[in-house]
N, C-alpha and C. Protein backbone atom coordinates (compact mmCIF):
# COMPACT_ATOMS: atom_id res chain seq x y z
N MET A 1 0.84 -1.19 0.00
CA MET A 1 0.00 0.00 0.00
C MET A 1 0.88 1.25 0.00
N ALA A 2 0.72 2.09 -0.96
CA ALA A 2 1.51 3.32 -1.06
C ALA A 2 0.92 4.39 -0.15
N LEU A 3 1.77 5.03 0.62
CA LEU A 3 1.37 6.14 1.48
C LEU A 3 2.04 7.39 0.94
N PRO A 4 1.27 8.30 0.36
CA PRO A 4 1.84 9.44 -0.36
C PRO A 4 2.95 10.18 0.38
N ASN A 5 2.76 10.53 1.62
CA ASN A 5 3.78 11.30 2.33
C ASN A 5 5.02 10.48 2.61
N LEU A 6 4.85 9.20 2.92
CA LEU A 6 6.00 8.34 3.22
C LEU A 6 6.73 7.89 1.97
N ASP A 7 5.99 7.59 0.93
CA ASP A 7 6.57 7.00 -0.27
C ASP A 7 7.05 8.01 -1.28
N GLY A 8 6.79 9.28 -1.07
CA GLY A 8 7.20 10.31 -2.02
C GLY A 8 6.22 10.40 -3.17
N GLU A 9 6.68 10.92 -4.29
CA GLU A 9 5.81 11.08 -5.45
C GLU A 9 6.64 11.03 -6.72
N ILE A 10 5.98 10.71 -7.82
CA ILE A 10 6.63 10.72 -9.13
C ILE A 10 6.19 11.98 -9.85
N ARG A 11 7.19 12.81 -10.21
CA ARG A 11 6.93 14.04 -10.96
C ARG A 11 7.84 14.06 -12.16
N ASP A 12 7.26 14.24 -13.34
CA ASP A 12 8.03 14.33 -14.59
C ASP A 12 8.98 13.15 -14.76
N GLY A 13 8.49 11.94 -14.46
CA GLY A 13 9.27 10.73 -14.66
C GLY A 13 10.34 10.48 -13.62
N ARG A 14 10.37 11.28 -12.56
CA ARG A 14 11.36 11.11 -11.50
C ARG A 14 10.66 10.95 -10.16
N HIS A 15 11.16 10.01 -9.38
CA HIS A 15 10.61 9.79 -8.05
C HIS A 15 11.32 10.72 -7.06
N HIS A 16 10.54 11.45 -6.26
CA HIS A 16 11.06 12.35 -5.24
C HIS A 16 10.58 11.87 -3.88
N MET A 17 11.51 11.72 -2.95
CA MET A 17 11.17 11.30 -1.60
C MET A 17 11.99 12.11 -0.62
N GLN A 18 11.33 12.68 0.36
CA GLN A 18 12.04 13.48 1.35
C GLN A 18 12.43 12.62 2.56
N VAL A 19 13.63 12.89 3.07
CA VAL A 19 14.08 12.28 4.31
C VAL A 19 14.69 13.38 5.18
N ARG A 20 14.48 13.25 6.47
CA ARG A 20 15.10 14.17 7.42
C ARG A 20 16.33 13.49 7.99
N VAL A 21 17.39 14.26 8.18
CA VAL A 21 18.61 13.74 8.77
C VAL A 21 18.48 13.79 10.29
N TYR A 22 18.67 12.64 10.91
CA TYR A 22 18.62 12.54 12.37
C TYR A 22 20.03 12.36 12.93
N TYR A 23 20.15 12.54 14.23
CA TYR A 23 21.44 12.39 14.91
C TYR A 23 22.09 11.06 14.56
N GLU A 24 21.33 10.00 14.52
CA GLU A 24 21.85 8.66 14.23
C GLU A 24 22.44 8.54 12.83
N ASP A 25 22.10 9.47 11.93
CA ASP A 25 22.61 9.45 10.55
C ASP A 25 23.98 10.12 10.43
N THR A 26 24.41 10.79 11.49
CA THR A 26 25.63 11.59 11.40
C THR A 26 26.83 10.91 12.06
N ASP A 27 28.02 11.39 11.70
CA ASP A 27 29.23 10.89 12.34
C ASP A 27 29.66 11.86 13.44
N PHE A 28 30.84 11.65 14.00
CA PHE A 28 31.30 12.47 15.12
C PHE A 28 31.43 13.95 14.78
N SER A 29 31.55 14.27 13.49
CA SER A 29 31.70 15.67 13.10
C SER A 29 30.37 16.35 12.82
N GLY A 30 29.27 15.59 12.92
CA GLY A 30 27.95 16.18 12.73
C GLY A 30 27.45 16.18 11.29
N ILE A 31 28.18 15.51 10.38
CA ILE A 31 27.70 15.42 9.00
C ILE A 31 27.23 13.99 8.75
N VAL A 32 26.41 13.82 7.73
CA VAL A 32 25.87 12.50 7.41
C VAL A 32 27.02 11.57 7.06
N TYR A 33 27.04 10.43 7.75
CA TYR A 33 28.03 9.39 7.48
C TYR A 33 27.80 8.86 6.07
N HIS A 34 28.87 8.68 5.30
CA HIS A 34 28.74 8.37 3.87
C HIS A 34 27.87 7.15 3.58
N ALA A 35 27.94 6.11 4.39
CA ALA A 35 27.16 4.89 4.13
C ALA A 35 25.66 5.12 4.30
N ASN A 36 25.27 6.14 5.05
CA ASN A 36 23.84 6.38 5.24
C ASN A 36 23.16 6.91 3.99
N TYR A 37 23.93 7.51 3.08
CA TYR A 37 23.34 7.92 1.81
C TYR A 37 22.86 6.68 1.04
N LEU A 38 23.56 5.55 1.20
CA LEU A 38 23.13 4.31 0.55
C LEU A 38 21.75 3.89 1.07
N ARG A 39 21.54 4.03 2.36
CA ARG A 39 20.22 3.71 2.94
C ARG A 39 19.14 4.62 2.39
N PHE A 40 19.43 5.93 2.31
CA PHE A 40 18.45 6.88 1.77
C PHE A 40 18.10 6.52 0.33
N MET A 41 19.12 6.17 -0.46
CA MET A 41 18.89 5.86 -1.87
C MET A 41 18.16 4.52 -2.04
N GLU A 42 18.43 3.56 -1.18
CA GLU A 42 17.70 2.29 -1.23
C GLU A 42 16.21 2.53 -0.98
N ARG A 43 15.90 3.36 0.00
CA ARG A 43 14.50 3.71 0.26
C ARG A 43 13.88 4.37 -0.96
N GLY A 44 14.64 5.25 -1.61
CA GLY A 44 14.14 5.91 -2.81
C GLY A 44 13.83 4.92 -3.91
N ARG A 45 14.74 3.95 -4.14
CA ARG A 45 14.49 2.95 -5.20
C ARG A 45 13.29 2.08 -4.85
N THR A 46 13.17 1.69 -3.59
CA THR A 46 12.05 0.85 -3.16
C THR A 46 10.73 1.58 -3.34
N ASN A 47 10.68 2.84 -2.91
CA ASN A 47 9.43 3.60 -3.04
C ASN A 47 9.13 3.95 -4.49
N HIS A 48 10.15 4.13 -5.30
CA HIS A 48 9.94 4.35 -6.73
C HIS A 48 9.20 3.15 -7.32
N LEU A 49 9.66 1.94 -7.03
CA LEU A 49 8.97 0.74 -7.51
C LEU A 49 7.53 0.70 -7.00
N ARG A 50 7.35 1.04 -5.74
CA ARG A 50 6.02 0.98 -5.13
C ARG A 50 5.04 1.92 -5.84
N LEU A 51 5.54 3.07 -6.28
CA LEU A 51 4.65 4.07 -6.87
C LEU A 51 4.52 3.98 -8.40
N MET A 52 5.15 2.99 -9.01
CA MET A 52 5.18 2.95 -10.47
C MET A 52 3.84 2.63 -11.12
N GLY A 53 2.89 2.12 -10.38
CA GLY A 53 1.61 1.90 -11.01
C GLY A 53 0.70 1.01 -10.19
N ALA A 54 -0.59 1.16 -10.42
CA ALA A 54 -1.59 0.40 -9.68
C ALA A 54 -1.48 -1.09 -9.97
N SER A 55 -1.00 -1.45 -11.16
CA SER A 55 -0.94 -2.86 -11.53
C SER A 55 0.40 -3.50 -11.15
N GLN A 56 1.23 -2.78 -10.41
CA GLN A 56 2.57 -3.28 -10.07
C GLN A 56 2.51 -4.64 -9.37
N HIS A 57 1.63 -4.79 -8.38
CA HIS A 57 1.56 -6.04 -7.62
C HIS A 57 1.22 -7.21 -8.55
N ALA A 58 0.26 -7.01 -9.44
CA ALA A 58 -0.12 -8.07 -10.38
C ALA A 58 1.03 -8.41 -11.32
N LEU A 59 1.77 -7.39 -11.76
CA LEU A 59 2.91 -7.64 -12.64
C LEU A 59 4.00 -8.44 -11.93
N PHE A 60 4.24 -8.15 -10.66
CA PHE A 60 5.26 -8.89 -9.93
C PHE A 60 4.81 -10.33 -9.69
N GLU A 61 3.51 -10.53 -9.47
CA GLU A 61 3.01 -11.91 -9.34
C GLU A 61 3.18 -12.67 -10.65
N GLU A 62 2.91 -12.01 -11.77
CA GLU A 62 3.09 -12.62 -13.08
C GLU A 62 4.56 -12.98 -13.31
N ALA A 63 5.46 -12.07 -12.92
CA ALA A 63 6.89 -12.32 -13.07
C ALA A 63 7.33 -13.48 -12.18
N GLN A 64 6.74 -13.60 -11.00
CA GLN A 64 7.07 -14.69 -10.08
C GLN A 64 6.70 -16.04 -10.69
N GLU A 65 5.57 -16.08 -11.40
CA GLU A 65 5.16 -17.32 -12.07
C GLU A 65 6.12 -17.66 -13.20
N GLU A 66 6.57 -16.64 -13.93
CA GLU A 66 7.46 -16.85 -15.07
C GLU A 66 8.88 -17.19 -14.61
N THR A 67 9.34 -16.53 -13.53
CA THR A 67 10.70 -16.71 -13.03
C THR A 67 10.65 -16.83 -11.51
N PRO A 68 10.37 -18.04 -10.98
CA PRO A 68 10.22 -18.21 -9.53
C PRO A 68 11.50 -17.82 -8.77
N GLY A 69 11.28 -17.25 -7.59
CA GLY A 69 12.41 -16.90 -6.73
C GLY A 69 13.25 -15.74 -7.23
N PHE A 70 12.67 -14.85 -8.03
CA PHE A 70 13.44 -13.75 -8.58
C PHE A 70 13.69 -12.67 -7.53
N ALA A 71 14.70 -11.87 -7.79
CA ALA A 71 15.01 -10.72 -6.94
C ALA A 71 15.76 -9.69 -7.78
N PHE A 72 15.67 -8.46 -7.35
CA PHE A 72 16.50 -7.40 -7.91
C PHE A 72 17.64 -7.18 -6.92
N VAL A 73 18.87 -7.15 -7.41
CA VAL A 73 20.04 -6.92 -6.55
C VAL A 73 20.90 -5.82 -7.16
N VAL A 74 21.53 -5.04 -6.30
CA VAL A 74 22.44 -4.01 -6.79
C VAL A 74 23.69 -4.71 -7.32
N ARG A 75 23.98 -4.50 -8.58
CA ARG A 75 25.15 -5.10 -9.24
C ARG A 75 26.36 -4.19 -9.14
N SER A 76 26.12 -2.89 -9.34
CA SER A 76 27.20 -1.92 -9.22
C SER A 76 26.62 -0.56 -8.89
N MET A 77 27.49 0.28 -8.32
CA MET A 77 27.05 1.62 -7.94
C MET A 77 28.26 2.54 -8.00
N GLN A 78 28.07 3.68 -8.65
CA GLN A 78 29.11 4.70 -8.68
C GLN A 78 28.56 5.93 -7.96
N LEU A 79 29.32 6.43 -7.00
CA LEU A 79 28.86 7.55 -6.18
C LEU A 79 29.84 8.71 -6.27
N ASP A 80 29.30 9.91 -6.28
CA ASP A 80 30.09 11.13 -6.16
C ASP A 80 29.52 11.92 -4.99
N PHE A 81 30.34 12.11 -3.96
CA PHE A 81 29.94 12.90 -2.80
C PHE A 81 30.40 14.33 -3.04
N LEU A 82 29.44 15.23 -3.19
CA LEU A 82 29.76 16.60 -3.59
C LEU A 82 29.74 17.59 -2.42
N ARG A 83 28.76 17.43 -1.53
CA ARG A 83 28.60 18.34 -0.40
C ARG A 83 28.01 17.57 0.78
N PRO A 84 28.29 18.00 2.00
CA PRO A 84 27.77 17.28 3.16
C PRO A 84 26.34 17.69 3.53
N ALA A 85 25.63 16.76 4.15
CA ALA A 85 24.35 17.06 4.78
C ALA A 85 24.58 17.00 6.29
N ARG A 86 23.75 17.73 7.03
CA ARG A 86 23.90 17.81 8.48
C ARG A 86 22.57 17.50 9.17
N MET A 87 22.68 17.26 10.46
CA MET A 87 21.49 16.95 11.25
C MET A 87 20.39 17.99 11.04
N ASP A 88 19.17 17.50 10.95
CA ASP A 88 17.94 18.28 10.74
C ASP A 88 17.74 18.76 9.31
N ASP A 89 18.70 18.54 8.41
CA ASP A 89 18.47 18.86 7.00
C ASP A 89 17.33 18.01 6.48
N VAL A 90 16.53 18.56 5.59
CA VAL A 90 15.52 17.79 4.87
C VAL A 90 16.07 17.59 3.47
N LEU A 91 16.24 16.33 3.10
CA LEU A 91 16.85 15.98 1.82
C LEU A 91 15.80 15.44 0.87
N ASP A 92 16.02 15.66 -0.41
CA ASP A 92 15.16 15.12 -1.46
C ASP A 92 15.98 14.04 -2.17
N VAL A 93 15.51 12.80 -2.09
CA VAL A 93 16.16 11.69 -2.79
C VAL A 93 15.41 11.52 -4.11
N VAL A 94 16.11 11.73 -5.22
CA VAL A 94 15.48 11.70 -6.54
C VAL A 94 16.01 10.48 -7.30
N THR A 95 15.10 9.70 -7.87
CA THR A 95 15.44 8.46 -8.57
C THR A 95 14.75 8.45 -9.92
N TRP A 96 15.50 8.05 -10.97
CA TRP A 96 14.86 7.91 -12.27
C TRP A 96 15.59 6.85 -13.09
N PRO A 97 14.85 6.14 -13.95
CA PRO A 97 15.47 5.12 -14.80
C PRO A 97 16.24 5.76 -15.95
N VAL A 98 17.39 5.17 -16.27
CA VAL A 98 18.21 5.64 -17.37
C VAL A 98 18.13 4.65 -18.53
N ALA A 99 18.20 3.36 -18.22
CA ALA A 99 18.14 2.32 -19.26
C ALA A 99 17.60 1.03 -18.66
N VAL A 100 16.80 0.34 -19.45
CA VAL A 100 16.31 -0.98 -19.07
C VAL A 100 16.79 -1.94 -20.14
N LYS A 101 17.61 -2.90 -19.73
CA LYS A 101 18.17 -3.86 -20.68
C LYS A 101 17.64 -5.24 -20.36
N GLY A 102 18.17 -6.24 -21.02
CA GLY A 102 17.68 -7.60 -20.85
C GLY A 102 17.59 -8.09 -19.42
N ALA A 103 18.70 -7.98 -18.66
CA ALA A 103 18.73 -8.50 -17.30
C ALA A 103 19.07 -7.42 -16.26
N SER A 104 19.12 -6.16 -16.68
CA SER A 104 19.48 -5.13 -15.70
C SER A 104 18.79 -3.80 -16.00
N ILE A 105 18.79 -2.97 -14.99
CA ILE A 105 18.22 -1.63 -15.06
C ILE A 105 19.28 -0.68 -14.56
N MET A 106 19.48 0.42 -15.27
CA MET A 106 20.39 1.47 -14.81
C MET A 106 19.53 2.62 -14.30
N LEU A 107 19.78 3.01 -13.07
CA LEU A 107 19.06 4.11 -12.45
C LEU A 107 20.03 5.22 -12.11
N ALA A 108 19.55 6.45 -12.16
CA ALA A 108 20.31 7.59 -11.67
C ALA A 108 19.63 8.04 -10.38
N GLN A 109 20.44 8.49 -9.43
CA GLN A 109 19.89 9.01 -8.19
C GLN A 109 20.69 10.22 -7.76
N GLU A 110 19.99 11.15 -7.12
CA GLU A 110 20.63 12.31 -6.51
C GLU A 110 20.02 12.52 -5.14
N VAL A 111 20.85 12.95 -4.21
CA VAL A 111 20.38 13.41 -2.92
C VAL A 111 20.61 14.91 -2.93
N ARG A 112 19.51 15.65 -2.74
CA ARG A 112 19.57 17.11 -2.85
C ARG A 112 19.11 17.76 -1.55
N ARG A 113 19.61 18.96 -1.33
CA ARG A 113 19.12 19.82 -0.26
C ARG A 113 18.81 21.14 -0.93
N GLY A 114 17.51 21.42 -1.06
CA GLY A 114 17.13 22.61 -1.81
C GLY A 114 17.63 22.48 -3.24
N GLY A 115 18.32 23.49 -3.73
CA GLY A 115 18.85 23.45 -5.10
C GLY A 115 20.22 22.81 -5.22
N ASP A 116 20.79 22.37 -4.09
CA ASP A 116 22.13 21.79 -4.11
C ASP A 116 22.09 20.28 -4.24
N VAL A 117 22.88 19.74 -5.17
CA VAL A 117 23.05 18.29 -5.28
C VAL A 117 24.19 17.91 -4.35
N LEU A 118 23.90 17.03 -3.39
CA LEU A 118 24.90 16.61 -2.41
C LEU A 118 25.61 15.34 -2.84
N VAL A 119 24.85 14.39 -3.38
CA VAL A 119 25.40 13.10 -3.79
C VAL A 119 24.75 12.71 -5.11
N LYS A 120 25.56 12.21 -6.05
CA LYS A 120 25.07 11.67 -7.32
C LYS A 120 25.42 10.19 -7.35
N ALA A 121 24.53 9.38 -7.92
CA ALA A 121 24.81 7.95 -8.02
C ALA A 121 24.27 7.40 -9.33
N GLU A 122 24.99 6.43 -9.87
CA GLU A 122 24.50 5.58 -10.96
C GLU A 122 24.44 4.18 -10.39
N VAL A 123 23.27 3.56 -10.49
CA VAL A 123 23.05 2.27 -9.86
C VAL A 123 22.60 1.27 -10.92
N ARG A 124 23.31 0.17 -11.02
CA ARG A 124 22.91 -0.90 -11.93
C ARG A 124 22.30 -2.01 -11.09
N VAL A 125 21.04 -2.30 -11.35
CA VAL A 125 20.30 -3.32 -10.61
C VAL A 125 20.09 -4.51 -11.55
N ALA A 126 20.48 -5.70 -11.08
CA ALA A 126 20.35 -6.91 -11.89
C ALA A 126 19.13 -7.70 -11.45
N PHE A 127 18.55 -8.41 -12.38
CA PHE A 127 17.42 -9.31 -12.13
C PHE A 127 18.00 -10.71 -12.03
N ILE A 128 17.80 -11.37 -10.89
CA ILE A 128 18.34 -12.72 -10.73
C ILE A 128 17.24 -13.69 -10.32
N SER A 129 17.48 -14.94 -10.63
CA SER A 129 16.62 -16.04 -10.18
C SER A 129 17.54 -17.22 -9.91
N GLU A 130 17.37 -17.81 -8.75
CA GLU A 130 18.20 -18.94 -8.34
C GLU A 130 19.68 -18.60 -8.43
N GLY A 131 20.04 -17.38 -8.05
CA GLY A 131 21.42 -16.96 -7.98
C GLY A 131 22.07 -16.57 -9.29
N LYS A 132 21.34 -16.60 -10.40
CA LYS A 132 21.92 -16.27 -11.70
C LYS A 132 21.14 -15.14 -12.36
N ALA A 133 21.86 -14.33 -13.13
CA ALA A 133 21.21 -13.27 -13.89
C ALA A 133 20.25 -13.89 -14.90
N GLN A 134 19.07 -13.32 -14.99
CA GLN A 134 18.04 -13.80 -15.91
C GLN A 134 17.45 -12.60 -16.64
N PRO A 135 16.91 -12.81 -17.84
CA PRO A 135 16.22 -11.72 -18.52
C PRO A 135 15.02 -11.25 -17.69
N ILE A 136 14.84 -9.96 -17.63
CA ILE A 136 13.69 -9.40 -16.92
C ILE A 136 12.43 -9.77 -17.70
N PRO A 137 11.42 -10.36 -17.04
CA PRO A 137 10.18 -10.68 -17.76
C PRO A 137 9.59 -9.45 -18.44
N LYS A 138 9.00 -9.68 -19.59
CA LYS A 138 8.50 -8.58 -20.42
C LYS A 138 7.57 -7.64 -19.65
N SER A 139 6.67 -8.19 -18.83
CA SER A 139 5.73 -7.34 -18.10
C SER A 139 6.47 -6.36 -17.19
N LEU A 140 7.54 -6.82 -16.55
CA LEU A 140 8.31 -5.93 -15.69
C LEU A 140 9.13 -4.94 -16.49
N ARG A 141 9.69 -5.39 -17.62
CA ARG A 141 10.47 -4.48 -18.46
C ARG A 141 9.61 -3.32 -18.94
N LEU A 142 8.39 -3.63 -19.35
CA LEU A 142 7.48 -2.58 -19.82
C LEU A 142 7.15 -1.60 -18.71
N LEU A 143 6.93 -2.11 -17.50
CA LEU A 143 6.65 -1.25 -16.35
C LEU A 143 7.85 -0.34 -16.07
N MET A 144 9.04 -0.92 -16.08
CA MET A 144 10.25 -0.16 -15.78
C MET A 144 10.53 0.89 -16.86
N LYS A 145 10.16 0.61 -18.10
CA LYS A 145 10.43 1.54 -19.20
C LYS A 145 9.41 2.66 -19.28
N ALA A 146 8.38 2.60 -18.47
CA ALA A 146 7.29 3.57 -18.58
C ALA A 146 7.78 5.01 -18.46
N ASP A 147 8.81 5.25 -17.66
CA ASP A 147 9.30 6.62 -17.45
C ASP A 147 10.45 6.99 -18.37
N LEU A 148 10.86 6.08 -19.24
CA LEU A 148 12.00 6.36 -20.12
C LEU A 148 11.54 7.03 -21.41
N ALA A 149 12.40 7.91 -21.91
CA ALA A 149 12.16 8.46 -23.25
C ALA A 149 12.47 7.32 -24.24
N PRO A 150 11.71 7.18 -25.34
CA PRO A 150 11.91 6.08 -26.26
C PRO A 150 13.35 5.91 -26.75
N SER A 151 14.08 6.99 -26.94
CA SER A 151 15.44 6.88 -27.47
C SER A 151 16.42 6.37 -26.44
N LYS A 152 16.05 6.35 -25.15
CA LYS A 152 16.99 5.94 -24.10
C LYS A 152 16.81 4.49 -23.70
N SER A 153 15.75 3.82 -24.09
CA SER A 153 15.54 2.44 -23.66
C SER A 153 16.03 1.48 -24.71
N SER A 154 16.49 0.32 -24.24
CA SER A 154 16.93 -0.70 -25.18
C SER A 154 16.78 -2.06 -24.53
N ASP A 155 16.67 -3.09 -25.35
CA ASP A 155 16.51 -4.46 -24.83
C ASP A 155 17.82 -5.20 -24.88
């Protein structure tokens, strides 16, 4: 069940989700510990999937029948830390698809504070079943490509 305030929103093909920085997110110097950005971005990717459409649950059930035991796993991630966030900052975690291929999805993510980009990431997520990369079922590929411009998607 999607909860608008908790799950964020999709605007112009990009998922936006706000997170507040708490004391537990910071290191001894009072800035966000670098690994916590990974947690913020994971929440963004999860909520992006949750908000992608009313038929998402049915599509995942269909994919489960086609490829039992499937999962999406992070295959690779490139991060650029540009500026620090501090306690009580309200951050916008922005996620959008860049490419959907046979067995993987490339996503771009940014963590922003107001107009400032604090962290940029490129995340490659692989589709696996029984521990091996598998082609993403067509129903899921179509769902994932919904936010892509036609010239940017490929199989």
